[in-house]
C-alpha atoms as a PDB file:
ATOM      1  CA  MET A   1      -0.292 -25.567  16.716  1.00  0.00           C
ATOM      2  CA  TYR A   2      -0.220 -27.392  13.411  1.00  0.00           C
ATOM      3  CA  PHE A   3      -2.334 -29.040  10.769  1.00  0.00           C
ATOM      4  CA  PHE A   4      -2.491 -32.823  11.121  1.00  0.00           C
ATOM      5  CA  CYS A   5      -4.076 -35.255   8.707  1.00  0.00           C
ATOM      6  CA  PHE A   6      -4.547 -39.005   8.829  1.00  0.00           C
ATOM      7  CA  PHE A   7      -5.623 -40.832   5.710  1.00  0.00           C
ATOM      8  CA  GLU A   8      -7.087 -44.332   5.408  1.00  0.00           C
ATOM      9  CA  PHE A   9      -6.106 -45.450   1.957  1.00  0.00           C
ATOM     10  CA  ASP A  10      -7.303 -48.332  -0.158  1.00  0.00           C
ATOM     11  CA  GLU A  11      -8.180 -48.718  -3.801  1.00  0.00           C
ATOM     12  CA  LEU A  12     -11.372 -46.673  -3.631  1.00  0.00           C
ATOM     13  CA  TYR A  13     -11.509 -44.973  -0.239  1.00  0.00           C
ATOM     14  CA  LEU A  14      -9.691 -41.924   1.123  1.00  0.00           C
ATOM     15  CA  THR A  15     -10.601 -39.897   4.201  1.00  0.00           C
ATOM     16  CA  CYS A  16      -8.988 -36.905   5.909  1.00  0.00           C
ATOM     17  CA  ALA A  17      -9.509 -35.769   9.505  1.00  0.00           C
ATOM     18  CA  VAL A  18      -8.368 -32.229  10.336  1.00  0.00           C
ATOM     19  CA  VAL A  19      -7.153 -32.016  13.912  1.00  0.00           C
ATOM     20  CA  ASP A  20      -6.199 -28.338  13.789  1.00  0.00           C
ATOM     21  CA  SER A  21      -5.679 -25.696  11.149  1.00  0.00           C
ATOM     22  CA  TYR A  22      -5.226 -21.997  10.638  1.00  0.00           C
ATOM     23  CA  THR A  23      -7.325 -19.676   8.535  1.00  0.00           C
ATOM     24  CA  VAL A  24      -5.556 -18.880   5.265  1.00  0.00           C
ATOM     25  CA  ARG A  25      -5.975 -15.530   3.572  1.00  0.00           C
ATOM     26  CA  ASP A  26      -7.384 -14.928   0.120  1.00  0.00           C
ATOM     27  CA  LYS A  27      -6.019 -17.647  -2.168  1.00  0.00           C
ATOM     28  CA  ASN A  28      -5.589 -15.101  -4.961  1.00  0.00           C
ATOM     29  CA  LEU A  29      -3.150 -13.109  -2.828  1.00  0.00           C
ATOM     30  CA  MET A  30      -0.051 -14.784  -1.432  1.00  0.00           C
ATOM     31  CA  PRO A  31       0.497 -13.610   2.146  1.00  0.00           C
ATOM     32  CA  ILE A  32       3.848 -12.789   3.695  1.00  0.00           C
ATOM     33  CA  ARG A  33       5.451 -16.103   4.648  1.00  0.00           C
ATOM     34  CA  SER A  34       8.057 -16.837   7.257  1.00  0.00           C
ATOM     35  CA  MET A  35      10.821 -19.269   6.391  1.00  0.00           C
ATOM     36  CA  THR A  36      10.212 -20.959   9.742  1.00  0.00           C
ATOM     37  CA  GLY A  37       7.434 -23.524   9.743  1.00  0.00           C
ATOM     38  CA  PHE A  38       6.333 -27.021  10.685  1.00  0.00           C
ATOM     39  CA  GLY A  39       4.040 -29.559   9.047  1.00  0.00           C
ATOM     40  CA  LEU A  40       3.056 -33.103  10.011  1.00  0.00           C
ATOM     41  CA  ALA A  41       0.763 -35.677   8.409  1.00  0.00           C
ATOM     42  CA  GLU A  42       0.222 -39.448   8.213  1.00  0.00           C
ATOM     43  CA  SER A  43      -1.485 -41.761   5.751  1.00  0.00           C
ATOM     44  CA  ALA A  44      -2.218 -45.480   5.780  1.00  0.00           C
ATOM     45  CA  SER A  45      -1.752 -47.346   2.509  1.00  0.00           C
ATOM     46  CA  PRO A  46      -1.243 -50.912   1.233  1.00  0.00           C
ATOM     47  CA  SER A  47       2.521 -50.387   1.418  1.00  0.00           C
ATOM     48  CA  GLY A  48       2.481 -49.112   5.004  1.00  0.00           C
ATOM     49  CA  VAL A  49       1.650 -46.121   7.207  1.00  0.00           C
ATOM     50  CA  TYR A  50       3.571 -43.068   6.007  1.00  0.00           C
ATOM     51  CA  ARG A  51       4.509 -40.256   8.376  1.00  0.00           C
ATOM     52  CA  VAL A  52       5.814 -37.002   6.863  1.00  0.00           C
ATOM     53  CA  GLU A  53       7.361 -34.249   8.988  1.00  0.00           C
ATOM     54  CA  ILE A  54       8.582 -30.965   7.468  1.00  0.00           C
ATOM     55  CA  ARG A  55      10.629 -28.346   9.328  1.00  0.00           C
ATOM     56  CA  GLY A  56      11.874 -25.060   7.880  1.00  0.00           C
ATOM     57  CA  VAL A  57      14.243 -22.341   9.096  1.00  0.00           C
ATOM     58  CA  ASN A  58      15.636 -19.223   7.472  1.00  0.00           C
ATOM     59  CA  ASN A  59      18.363 -19.364   4.839  1.00  0.00           C
ATOM     60  CA  ARG A  60      19.506 -16.938   2.165  1.00  0.00           C
ATOM     61  CA  PHE A  61      19.041 -19.649  -0.440  1.00  0.00           C
ATOM     62  CA  GLN A  62      16.850 -22.675  -1.080  1.00  0.00           C
ATOM     63  CA  GLU A  63      18.179 -25.787   0.664  1.00  0.00           C
ATOM     64  CA  VAL A  64      16.201 -29.021   0.941  1.00  0.00           C
ATOM     65  CA  GLN A  65      17.291 -32.120   2.864  1.00  0.00           C
ATOM     66  CA  ILE A  66      15.136 -35.258   2.560  1.00  0.00           C
ATOM     67  CA  ARG A  67      15.270 -38.495   4.541  1.00  0.00           C
ATOM     68  CA  LEU A  68      13.319 -41.408   3.075  1.00  0.00           C
ATOM     69  CA  PRO A  69      13.003 -45.104   3.928  1.00  0.00           C
ATOM     70  CA  LYS A  70      15.482 -47.187   1.949  1.00  0.00           C
ATOM     71  CA  PHE A  71      12.786 -48.904  -0.101  1.00  0.00           C
ATOM     72  CA  ALA A  72      11.437 -45.494  -1.215  1.00  0.00           C
ATOM     73  CA  ALA A  73      14.770 -43.745  -1.829  1.00  0.00           C
ATOM     74  CA  ASN A  74      14.027 -43.312  -5.534  1.00  0.00           C
ATOM     75  CA  LEU A  75      11.142 -40.989  -4.665  1.00  0.00           C
ATOM     76  CA  GLU A  76      13.471 -38.218  -3.453  1.00  0.00           C
ATOM     77  CA  PRO A  77      13.378 -36.189  -6.727  1.00  0.00           C
ATOM     78  CA  LYS A  78       9.573 -36.246  -6.698  1.00  0.00           C
ATOM     79  CA  VAL A  79       9.403 -35.146  -3.058  1.00  0.00           C
ATOM     80  CA  LYS A  80      11.907 -32.362  -3.686  1.00  0.00           C
ATOM     81  CA  LYS A  81       9.992 -31.108  -6.712  1.00  0.00           C
ATOM     82  CA  GLU A  82       6.771 -30.880  -4.689  1.00  0.00           C
ATOM     83  CA  LEU A  83       8.518 -28.602  -2.180  1.00  0.00           C
ATOM     84  CA  THR A  84      10.717 -26.488  -4.420  1.00  0.00           C
ATOM     85  CA  THR A  85       7.784 -25.419  -6.580  1.00  0.00           C
ATOM     86  CA  LEU A  86       6.172 -23.869  -3.497  1.00  0.00           C
ATOM     87  CA  VAL A  87       9.139 -22.638  -1.451  1.00  0.00           C
ATOM     88  CA  SER A  88      11.660 -20.204  -2.938  1.00  0.00           C
ATOM     89  CA  ARG A  89      13.974 -19.718   0.060  1.00  0.00           C
ATOM     90  CA  GLY A  90      14.792 -21.400   3.336  1.00  0.00           C
ATOM     91  CA  SER A  91      16.462 -24.465   4.774  1.00  0.00           C
ATOM     92  CA  ILE A  92      13.931 -27.307   4.769  1.00  0.00           C
ATOM     93  CA  ASN A  93      14.279 -30.728   6.352  1.00  0.00           C
ATOM     94  CA  VAL A  94      11.832 -33.465   5.369  1.00  0.00           C
ATOM     95  CA  PHE A  95      11.636 -36.656   7.437  1.00  0.00           C
ATOM     96  CA  ILE A  96       9.587 -39.478   5.930  1.00  0.00           C
ATOM     97  CA  SER A  97       9.094 -42.800   7.710  1.00  0.00           C
ATOM     98  CA  CYS A  98       6.901 -45.806   6.998  1.00  0.00           C
ATOM     99  CA  GLU A  99       5.614 -48.525   9.280  1.00  0.00           C
ATOM    100  CA  ARG A 100       5.043 -51.705   7.330  1.00  0.00           C
ATOM    101  CA  GLU A 101       5.254 -55.467   7.658  1.00  0.00           C
ATOM    102  CA  ALA A 102       8.808 -56.726   7.831  1.00  0.00           C
ATOM    103  CA  GLU A 103       8.199 -59.549   5.359  1.00  0.00           C
ATOM    104  CA  THR A 104       8.459 -58.573   1.717  1.00  0.00           C
ATOM    105  CA  VAL A 105       7.391 -62.053   0.506  1.00  0.00           C
ATOM    106  CA  LYS A 106       4.285 -63.909   1.644  1.00  0.00           C
ATOM    107  CA  LEU A 107       3.172 -67.486   0.965  1.00  0.00           C
ATOM    108  CA  THR A 108      -0.238 -68.329  -0.462  1.00  0.00           C
ATOM    109  CA  TRP A 109      -1.937 -71.514  -1.677  1.00  0.00           C
ATOM    110  CA  ASP A 110      -3.941 -72.337  -4.772  1.00  0.00           C
ATOM    111  CA  LYS A 111      -7.336 -73.731  -3.764  1.00  0.00           C
ATOM    112  CA  SER A 112      -8.182 -75.060  -7.225  1.00  0.00           C
ATOM    113  CA  SER A 113      -4.948 -77.096  -7.268  1.00  0.00           C
ATOM    114  CA  VAL A 114      -5.742 -78.627  -3.869  1.00  0.00           C
ATOM    115  CA  ASP A 115      -9.279 -79.476  -5.061  1.00  0.00           C
ATOM    116  CA  ASN A 116      -7.867 -81.187  -8.130  1.00  0.00           C
ATOM    117  CA  TYR A 117      -5.351 -83.216  -6.075  1.00  0.00           C
ATOM    118  CA  LEU A 118      -8.036 -84.432  -3.683  1.00  0.00           C
ATOM    119  CA  ARG A 119     -10.351 -85.327  -6.559  1.00  0.00           C
ATOM    120  CA  ILE A 120      -7.587 -87.335  -8.241  1.00  0.00           C
ATOM    121  CA  PHE A 121      -6.712 -89.117  -4.945  1.00  0.00           C
ATOM    122  CA  ASN A 122     -10.314 -90.160  -4.470  1.00  0.00           C
ATOM    123  CA  GLU A 123     -10.657 -91.357  -8.113  1.00  0.00           C
ATOM    124  CA  ILE A 124      -7.519 -93.510  -7.784  1.00  0.00           C
ATOM    125  CA  LYS A 125      -8.744 -94.914  -4.450  1.00  0.00           C
ATOM    126  CA  LYS A 126     -12.105 -95.822  -5.966  1.00  0.00           C
ATOM    127  CA  GLU A 127     -10.646 -97.200  -9.197  1.00  0.00           C
ATOM    128  CA  TYR A 128      -8.267 -99.607  -7.472  1.00  0.00           C
ATOM    129  CA  GLY A 129     -10.092-100.240  -4.205  1.00  0.00           C
ATOM    130  CA  LEU A 130      -7.323 -98.735  -2.125  1.00  0.00           C
ATOM    131  CA  MET A 131      -7.646 -98.233   1.605  1.00  0.00           C
ATOM    132  CA  GLY A 132      -6.802 -95.114   3.627  1.00  0.00           C
ATOM    133  CA  GLN A 133      -7.616 -91.430   3.522  1.00  0.00           C
ATOM    134  CA  ALA A 134      -5.895 -88.762   1.465  1.00  0.00           C
ATOM    135  CA  GLY A 135      -4.741 -86.105   3.944  1.00  0.00           C
ATOM    136  CA  LEU A 136      -2.314 -83.242   4.428  1.00  0.00           C
ATOM    137  CA  ASP A 137       0.709 -85.551   4.346  1.00  0.00           C
ATOM    138  CA  SER A 138      -0.292 -86.677   0.872  1.00  0.00           C
ATOM    139  CA  LEU A 139      -0.823 -83.115  -0.319  1.00  0.00           C
ATOM    140  CA  LEU A 140       2.546 -81.873   0.984  1.00  0.00           C
ATOM    141  CA  ARG A 141       4.307 -84.253  -1.389  1.00  0.00           C
ATOM    142  CA  PHE A 142       2.955 -82.027  -4.151  1.00  0.00           C
ATOM    143  CA  SER A 143       3.942 -78.593  -2.887  1.00  0.00           C
ATOM    144  CA  ASP A 144       3.403 -76.845  -6.186  1.00  0.00           C
ATOM    145  CA  PHE A 145       0.065 -75.580  -4.922  1.00  0.00           C
ATOM    146  CA  ILE A 146       1.995 -73.412  -2.410  1.00  0.00           C
ATOM    147  CA  LYS A 147       3.091 -70.131  -4.021  1.00  0.00           C
ATOM    148  CA  SER A 148       5.076 -67.096  -2.972  1.00  0.00           C
ATOM    149  CA  GLU A 149       4.004 -63.509  -3.710  1.00  0.00           C
ATOM    150  CA  SER A 150       6.232 -60.465  -3.413  1.00  0.00           C
ATOM    151  CA  THR A 151       4.797 -57.537  -1.427  1.00  0.00           C
ATOM    152  CA  GLU A 152       7.165 -54.989  -3.025  1.00  0.00           C
ATOM    153  CA  HIS A 153       5.473 -52.166  -4.928  1.00  0.00           C
ATOM    154  CA  SER A 154       6.556 -50.265  -7.993  1.00  0.00           C
ATOM    155  CA  GLU A 155       7.963 -46.737  -7.727  1.00  0.00           C
ATOM    156  CA  GLU A 156       4.767 -45.343  -9.237  1.00  0.00           C
ATOM    157  CA  THR A 157       2.610 -47.187  -6.683  1.00  0.00           C
ATOM    158  CA  LEU A 158       4.786 -46.088  -3.754  1.00  0.00           C
ATOM    159  CA  TRP A 159       4.521 -42.474  -4.912  1.00  0.00           C
ATOM    160  CA  LYS A 160       0.730 -42.842  -5.084  1.00  0.00           C
ATOM    161  CA  HIS A 161       0.744 -44.161  -1.510  1.00  0.00           C
ATOM    162  CA  LEU A 162       3.120 -41.511  -0.111  1.00  0.00           C
ATOM    163  CA  ARG A 163       1.733 -38.438  -1.852  1.00  0.00           C
ATOM    164  CA  PRO A 164      -1.429 -37.932   0.280  1.00  0.00           C
ATOM    165  CA  ALA A 165       0.662 -37.627   3.457  1.00  0.00           C
ATOM    166  CA  LEU A 166       3.227 -35.427   1.716  1.00  0.00           C
ATOM    167  CA  THR A 167       0.558 -33.101   0.310  1.00  0.00           C
ATOM    168  CA  ALA A 168      -1.103 -32.716   3.705  1.00  0.00           C
ATOM    169  CA  ALA A 169       2.228 -32.089   5.445  1.00  0.00           C
ATOM    170  CA  ILE A 170       3.177 -29.431   2.888  1.00  0.00           C
ATOM    171  CA  LYS A 171      -0.188 -27.734   3.375  1.00  0.00           C
ATOM    172  CA  ALA A 172       0.328 -27.717   7.144  1.00  0.00           C
ATOM    173  CA  PHE A 173       3.854 -26.384   6.622  1.00  0.00           C
ATOM    174  CA  GLN A 174       2.595 -23.545   4.394  1.00  0.00           C
ATOM    175  CA  VAL A 175      -0.187 -22.603   6.809  1.00  0.00           C
ATOM    176  CA  SER A 176       2.337 -22.551   9.652  1.00  0.00           C
ATOM    177  CA  ARG A 177       4.645 -20.255   7.667  1.00  0.00           C
ATOM    178  CA  GLU A 178       1.774 -17.959   6.737  1.00  0.00           C
ATOM    179  CA  THR A 179       0.643 -17.715  10.364  1.00  0.00           C
ATOM    180  CA  GLU A 180       4.094 -16.677  11.546  1.00  0.00           C
ATOM    181  CA  GLY A 181       4.449 -14.421   8.506  1.00  0.00           C
ATOM    182  CA  ALA A 182       1.237 -12.614   9.471  1.00  0.00           C
ATOM    183  CA  GLN A 183       2.702 -11.912  12.902  1.00  0.00           C
ATOM    184  CA  LEU A 184       5.925 -10.629  11.343  1.00  0.00           C
ATOM    185  CA  ALA A 185       3.986  -8.394   8.956  1.00  0.00           C
ATOM    186  CA  LYS A 186       1.972  -6.946  11.843  1.00  0.00           C
ATOM    187  CA  GLY A 187       5.157  -6.016  13.685  1.00  0.00           C
ATOM    188  CA  LEU A 188       6.808  -4.603  10.563  1.00  0.00           C
ATOM    189  CA  LYS A 189       3.833  -2.370   9.784  1.00  0.00           C
ATOM    190  CA  LYS A 190       4.031  -0.897  13.273  1.00  0.00           C
ATOM    191  CA  ILE A 191       7.726  -0.128  12.847  1.00  0.00           C
ATOM    192  CA  ILE A 192       7.088   1.423   9.432  1.00  0.00           C
ATOM    193  CA  LYS A 193       4.536   3.727  11.075  1.00  0.00           C
ATOM    194  CA  ASP A 194       7.204   4.802  13.565  1.00  0.00           C
ATOM    195  CA  ILE A 195       9.604   5.512  10.696  1.00  0.00           C
ATOM    196  CA  THR A 196       6.956   7.551   8.895  1.00  0.00           C
ATOM    197  CA  LYS A 197       6.267   9.526  12.067  1.00  0.00           C
ATOM    198  CA  ALA A 198       9.972  10.327  12.529  1.00  0.00           C
ATOM    199  CA  LEU A 199      10.285  11.322   8.872  1.00  0.00           C
ATOM    200  CA  LYS A 200       7.336  13.707   9.176  1.00  0.00           C
ATOM    201  CA  ALA A 201       9.051  15.325  12.157  1.00  0.00           C
ATOM    202  CA  VAL A 202      12.203  15.769  10.057  1.00  0.00           C
ATOM    203  CA  GLU A 203      10.193  17.235   7.175  1.00  0.00           C
ATOM    204  CA  LYS A 204       8.468  19.700   9.503  1.00  0.00           C
ATOM    205  CA  ARG A 205      11.680  20.731  11.212  1.00  0.00           C
ATOM    206  CA  ALA A 206      13.824  21.191   8.088  1.00  0.00           C
ATOM    207  CA  PRO A 207      12.525  24.657   6.977  1.00  0.00           C
ATOM    208  CA  GLU A 208      12.691  26.010  10.533  1.00  0.00           C
ATOM    209  CA  ARG A 209      16.308  24.948  10.801  1.00  0.00           C
ATOM    210  CA  VAL A 210      17.270  27.113   7.780  1.00  0.00           C
ATOM    211  CA  LYS A 211      15.463  30.133   9.210  1.00  0.00           C
ATOM    212  CA  GLU A 212      17.171  29.661  12.564  1.00  0.00           C
ATOM    213  CA  TYR A 213      20.534  29.314  10.846  1.00  0.00           C
ATOM    214  CA  GLY A 214      19.974  32.632   8.984  1.00  0.00           C
ATOM    215  CA  ALA A 215      19.085  34.479  12.190  1.00  0.00           C
ATOM    216  CA  SER A 216      22.033  32.960  14.031  1.00  0.00           C
ATOM    217  CA  LEU A 217      24.462  33.852  11.247  1.00  0.00           C
ATOM    218  CA  THR A 218      23.189  37.444  11.141  1.00  0.00           C
ATOM    219  CA  ALA A 219      23.615  37.806  14.911  1.00  0.00           C
ATOM    220  CA  ARG A 220      27.176  36.430  14.826  1.00  0.00           C
ATOM    221  CA  VAL A 221      28.196  38.721  11.965  1.00  0.00           C
ATOM    222  CA  GLU A 222      26.785  41.782  13.728  1.00  0.00           C
ATOM    223  CA  LYS A 223      28.935  41.033  16.735  1.00  0.00           C
ATOM    224  CA  LEU A 224      32.061  40.682  14.619  1.00  0.00           C
ATOM    225  CA  VAL A 225      31.760  43.753  12.385  1.00  0.00           C
ATOM    226  CA  ALA A 226      31.140  47.395  13.097  1.00  0.00           C
ATOM    227  CA  GLY A 227      28.053  48.822  11.502  1.00  0.00           C
ATOM    228  CA  GLU A 228      25.390  47.177   9.406  1.00  0.00           C
ATOM    229  CA  PRO A 229      26.467  43.890   7.688  1.00  0.00           C
ATOM    230  CA  ASP A 230      26.118  43.572   3.921  1.00  0.00           C
ATOM    231  CA  PRO A 231      22.581  42.128   3.371  1.00  0.00           C
ATOM    232  CA  GLN A 232      23.488  40.761  -0.053  1.00  0.00           C
ATOM    233  CA  ARG A 233      26.512  38.928   1.307  1.00  0.00           C
ATOM    234  CA  LEU A 234      24.485  37.520   4.178  1.00  0.00           C
ATOM    235  CA  ALA A 235      21.703  36.357   1.857  1.00  0.00           C
ATOM    236  CA  THR A 236      24.251  34.635  -0.391  1.00  0.00           C
ATOM    237  CA  GLU A 237      25.889  32.885   2.557  1.00  0.00           C
ATOM    238  CA  ILE A 238      22.545  31.728   3.940  1.00  0.00           C
ATOM    239  CA  ALA A 239      21.484  30.457   0.495  1.00  0.00           C
ATOM    240  CA  LEU A 240      24.693  28.453   0.101  1.00  0.00           C
ATOM    241  CA  MET A 241      24.349  26.922   3.533  1.00  0.00           C
ATOM    242  CA  ALA A 242      20.680  26.129   2.911  1.00  0.00           C
ATOM    243  CA  GLU A 243      21.675  24.279  -0.255  1.00  0.00           C
ATOM    244  CA  ARG A 244      24.294  22.269   1.603  1.00  0.00           C
ATOM    245  CA  LEU A 245      21.807  21.405   4.343  1.00  0.00           C
ATOM    246  CA  ASP A 246      18.903  20.689   2.011  1.00  0.00           C
ATOM    247  CA  ILE A 247      17.460  17.204   2.676  1.00  0.00           C
ATOM    248  CA  THR A 248      14.382  17.464   0.459  1.00  0.00           C
ATOM    249  CA  GLU A 249      15.632  14.806  -1.975  1.00  0.00           C
ATOM    250  CA  GLU A 250      16.530  12.413   0.827  1.00  0.00           C
ATOM    251  CA  ILE A 251      13.088  12.827   2.382  1.00  0.00           C
ATOM    252  CA  THR A 252      11.380  12.282  -0.987  1.00  0.00           C
ATOM    253  CA  ARG A 253      13.387   9.131  -1.724  1.00  0.00           C
ATOM    254  CA  LEU A 254      12.823   7.737   1.769  1.00  0.00           C
ATOM    255  CA  LYS A 255       9.084   8.303   1.365  1.00  0.00           C
ATOM    256  CA  ALA A 256       9.175   6.394  -1.938  1.00  0.00           C
ATOM    257  CA  HIS A 257      11.039   3.485  -0.309  1.00  0.00           C
ATOM    258  CA  ILE A 258       8.493   3.357   2.521  1.00  0.00           C
ATOM    259  CA  GLU A 259       5.633   3.352   0.022  1.00  0.00           C
ATOM    260  CA  LYS A 260       7.208   0.474  -1.904  1.00  0.00           C
ATOM    261  CA  PHE A 261       7.895  -1.420   1.317  1.00  0.00           C
ATOM    262  CA  ASN A 262       4.224  -1.132   2.321  1.00  0.00           C
ATOM    263  CA  ALA A 263       3.152  -2.280  -1.153  1.00  0.00           C
ATOM    264  CA  ASP A 264       5.190  -5.471  -0.734  1.00  0.00           C
ATOM    265  CA  PHE A 265       2.858  -6.605   2.045  1.00  0.00           C
ATOM    266  CA  ASP A 266       0.200  -7.193  -0.619  1.00  0.00           C
ATOM    267  CA  THR A 267       2.285  -8.632  -3.421  1.00  0.00           C
ATOM    268  CA  ASP A 268       1.822 -12.108  -4.921  1.00  0.00           C
ATOM    269  CA  GLU A 269       5.444 -13.252  -4.752  1.00  0.00           C
ATOM    270  CA  PRO A 270       8.223 -13.758  -2.162  1.00  0.00           C
ATOM    271  CA  VAL A 271       9.438 -10.338  -0.975  1.00  0.00           C
ATOM    272  CA  GLY A 272      12.129 -11.033   1.625  1.00  0.00           C
ATOM    273  CA  LYS A 273      15.091 -10.236  -0.623  1.00  0.00           C
ATOM    274  CA  ARG A 274      13.471  -7.140  -2.111  1.00  0.00           C
ATOM    275  CA  MET A 275      12.632  -5.840   1.353  1.00  0.00           C
ATOM    276  CA  GLY A 276      16.299  -6.305   2.257  1.00  0.00           C
ATOM    277  CA  PHE A 277      17.422  -4.199  -0.704  1.00  0.00           C
ATOM    278  CA  LEU A 278      14.856  -1.497   0.128  1.00  0.00           C
ATOM    279  CA  LEU A 279      16.161  -1.358   3.686  1.00  0.00           C
ATOM    280  CA  GLN A 280      19.676  -0.719   2.394  1.00  0.00           C
ATOM    281  CA  GLU A 281      18.378   2.288   0.462  1.00  0.00           C
ATOM    282  CA  MET A 282      16.305   3.491   3.418  1.00  0.00           C
ATOM    283  CA  ASN A 283      19.323   3.281   5.704  1.00  0.00           C
ATOM    284  CA  ARG A 284      21.410   5.228   3.178  1.00  0.00           C
ATOM    285  CA  GLU A 285      18.877   8.080   3.120  1.00  0.00           C
ATOM    286  CA  ALA A 286      18.613   8.095   6.925  1.00  0.00           C
ATOM    287  CA  ASN A 287      22.407   8.344   7.214  1.00  0.00           C
ATOM    288  CA  THR A 288      22.517  11.236   4.750  1.00  0.00           C
ATOM    289  CA  ILE A 289      19.777  13.080   6.627  1.00  0.00           C
ATOM    290  CA  GLY A 290      21.755  12.660   9.832  1.00  0.00           C
ATOM    291  CA  SER A 291      25.044  13.818   8.307  1.00  0.00           C
ATOM    292  CA  LYS A 292      23.453  16.912   6.741  1.00  0.00           C
ATOM    293  CA  ALA A 293      21.282  17.737   9.732  1.00  0.00           C
ATOM    294  CA  ASN A 294      23.363  20.321  11.588  1.00  0.00           C
ATOM    295  CA  ASP A 295      20.425  20.290  13.981  1.00  0.00           C
ATOM    296  CA  THR A 296      19.920  18.438  17.245  1.00  0.00           C
ATOM    297  CA  GLU A 297      16.235  17.641  16.687  1.00  0.00           C
ATOM    298  CA  ILE A 298      16.794  16.278  13.170  1.00  0.00           C
ATOM    299  CA  ALA A 299      19.844  14.347  14.369  1.00  0.00           C
ATOM    300  CA  HIS A 300      17.693  12.645  17.022  1.00  0.00           C
ATOM    301  CA  CYS A 301      15.049  11.823  14.405  1.00  0.00           C
ATOM    302  CA  SER A 302      17.780  10.375  12.183  1.00  0.00           C
ATOM    303  CA  VAL A 303      18.907   8.113  15.018  1.00  0.00           C
ATOM    304  CA  SER A 304      15.291   6.969  15.473  1.00  0.00           C
ATOM    305  CA  LEU A 305      15.033   6.255  11.735  1.00  0.00           C
ATOM    306  CA  LYS A 306      18.158   4.116  11.767  1.00  0.00           C
ATOM    307  CA  GLU A 307      17.132   2.260  14.932  1.00  0.00           C
ATOM    308  CA  ASN A 308      13.777   1.306  13.420  1.00  0.00           C
ATOM    309  CA  ILE A 309      15.355   0.343  10.103  1.00  0.00           C
ATOM    310  CA  GLU A 310      17.695  -1.961  12.000  1.00  0.00           C
ATOM    311  CA  LYS A 311      14.711  -3.512  13.818  1.00  0.00           C
ATOM    312  CA  ILE A 312      13.125  -4.273  10.453  1.00  0.00           C
ATOM    313  CA  ARG A 313      16.386  -5.702   9.127  1.00  0.00           C
ATOM    314  CA  GLU A 314      16.409  -8.221  11.970  1.00  0.00           C
ATOM    315  CA  GLN A 315      12.787  -9.183  11.387  1.00  0.00           C
ATOM    316  CA  ILE A 316      12.937  -9.697   7.626  1.00  0.00           C
ATOM    317  CA  GLN A 317      15.785 -12.188   7.934  1.00  0.00           C
ATOM    318  CA  ASN A 318      13.030 -14.759   8.386  1.00  0.00           C
ATOM    319  CA  ILE A 319      10.732 -13.642   5.553  1.00  0.00           C
ATOM    320  CA  GLU A 320      10.719 -15.730   2.378  1.00  0.00           C
END
């Protein structure tokens, strides 16, 4: 699906027919946009029928390729500016064609000159009593009443003719990117919920793991020594191990990263790169939790965290 416009253009008249379009979110809030999109529009003008097609795919940087008709090649900087002010990242290809008359020069005739010639012919005929009729053969001997007019237009005029189609195509392109971006955001939010669920399981399990470690250590020591083990020594050993296994900071930081990631869904600027950096930090915390786990249940949760983070990493490659 895409947004298609056709304009009929003359000096005073401009119409637009919408074939299909998507609903855009609140204009005051820029939605998540995909770098993949498509836009198509046409407009009829005195210099020809312009067709503008825009295709975008993901790219780490901003890359714009524009193909214009030879006669409109000087408009490339203007076309590029229109796009680059709206798109911060992505590889964009713009194809612009124009159907127009092949002739760039047309011949016209001056009616007042012809009227004057015929009047003069008739006056001469009457004055001298000449015979015959003044016709086309006589007129063609005085071809100055036939004139040539160039159909070429100035750069400013061509831009005026092209811009309606370009504007409509860009709008269709943006709507297409926002539609796909909305689908990406929906999937990402679901994955984030899975990450939050796994993190809550880790947070719940962490204190139990320390208690179980203390009981296990006490039981092992009792088997190895005769008599009652030193409670103070056991408490010290358990405290040291608890400190080494403590993942409170990692959980807190991962929560903060998740909160920031969710906030980026409602920001008013491109967030793809920032989401990528947040994922690096989230993956670092998940790895640390796994390495410090010393517990099967937490280790499994850590694997789930990293799997879901990797799923997000794949998805955000296409977010502007």
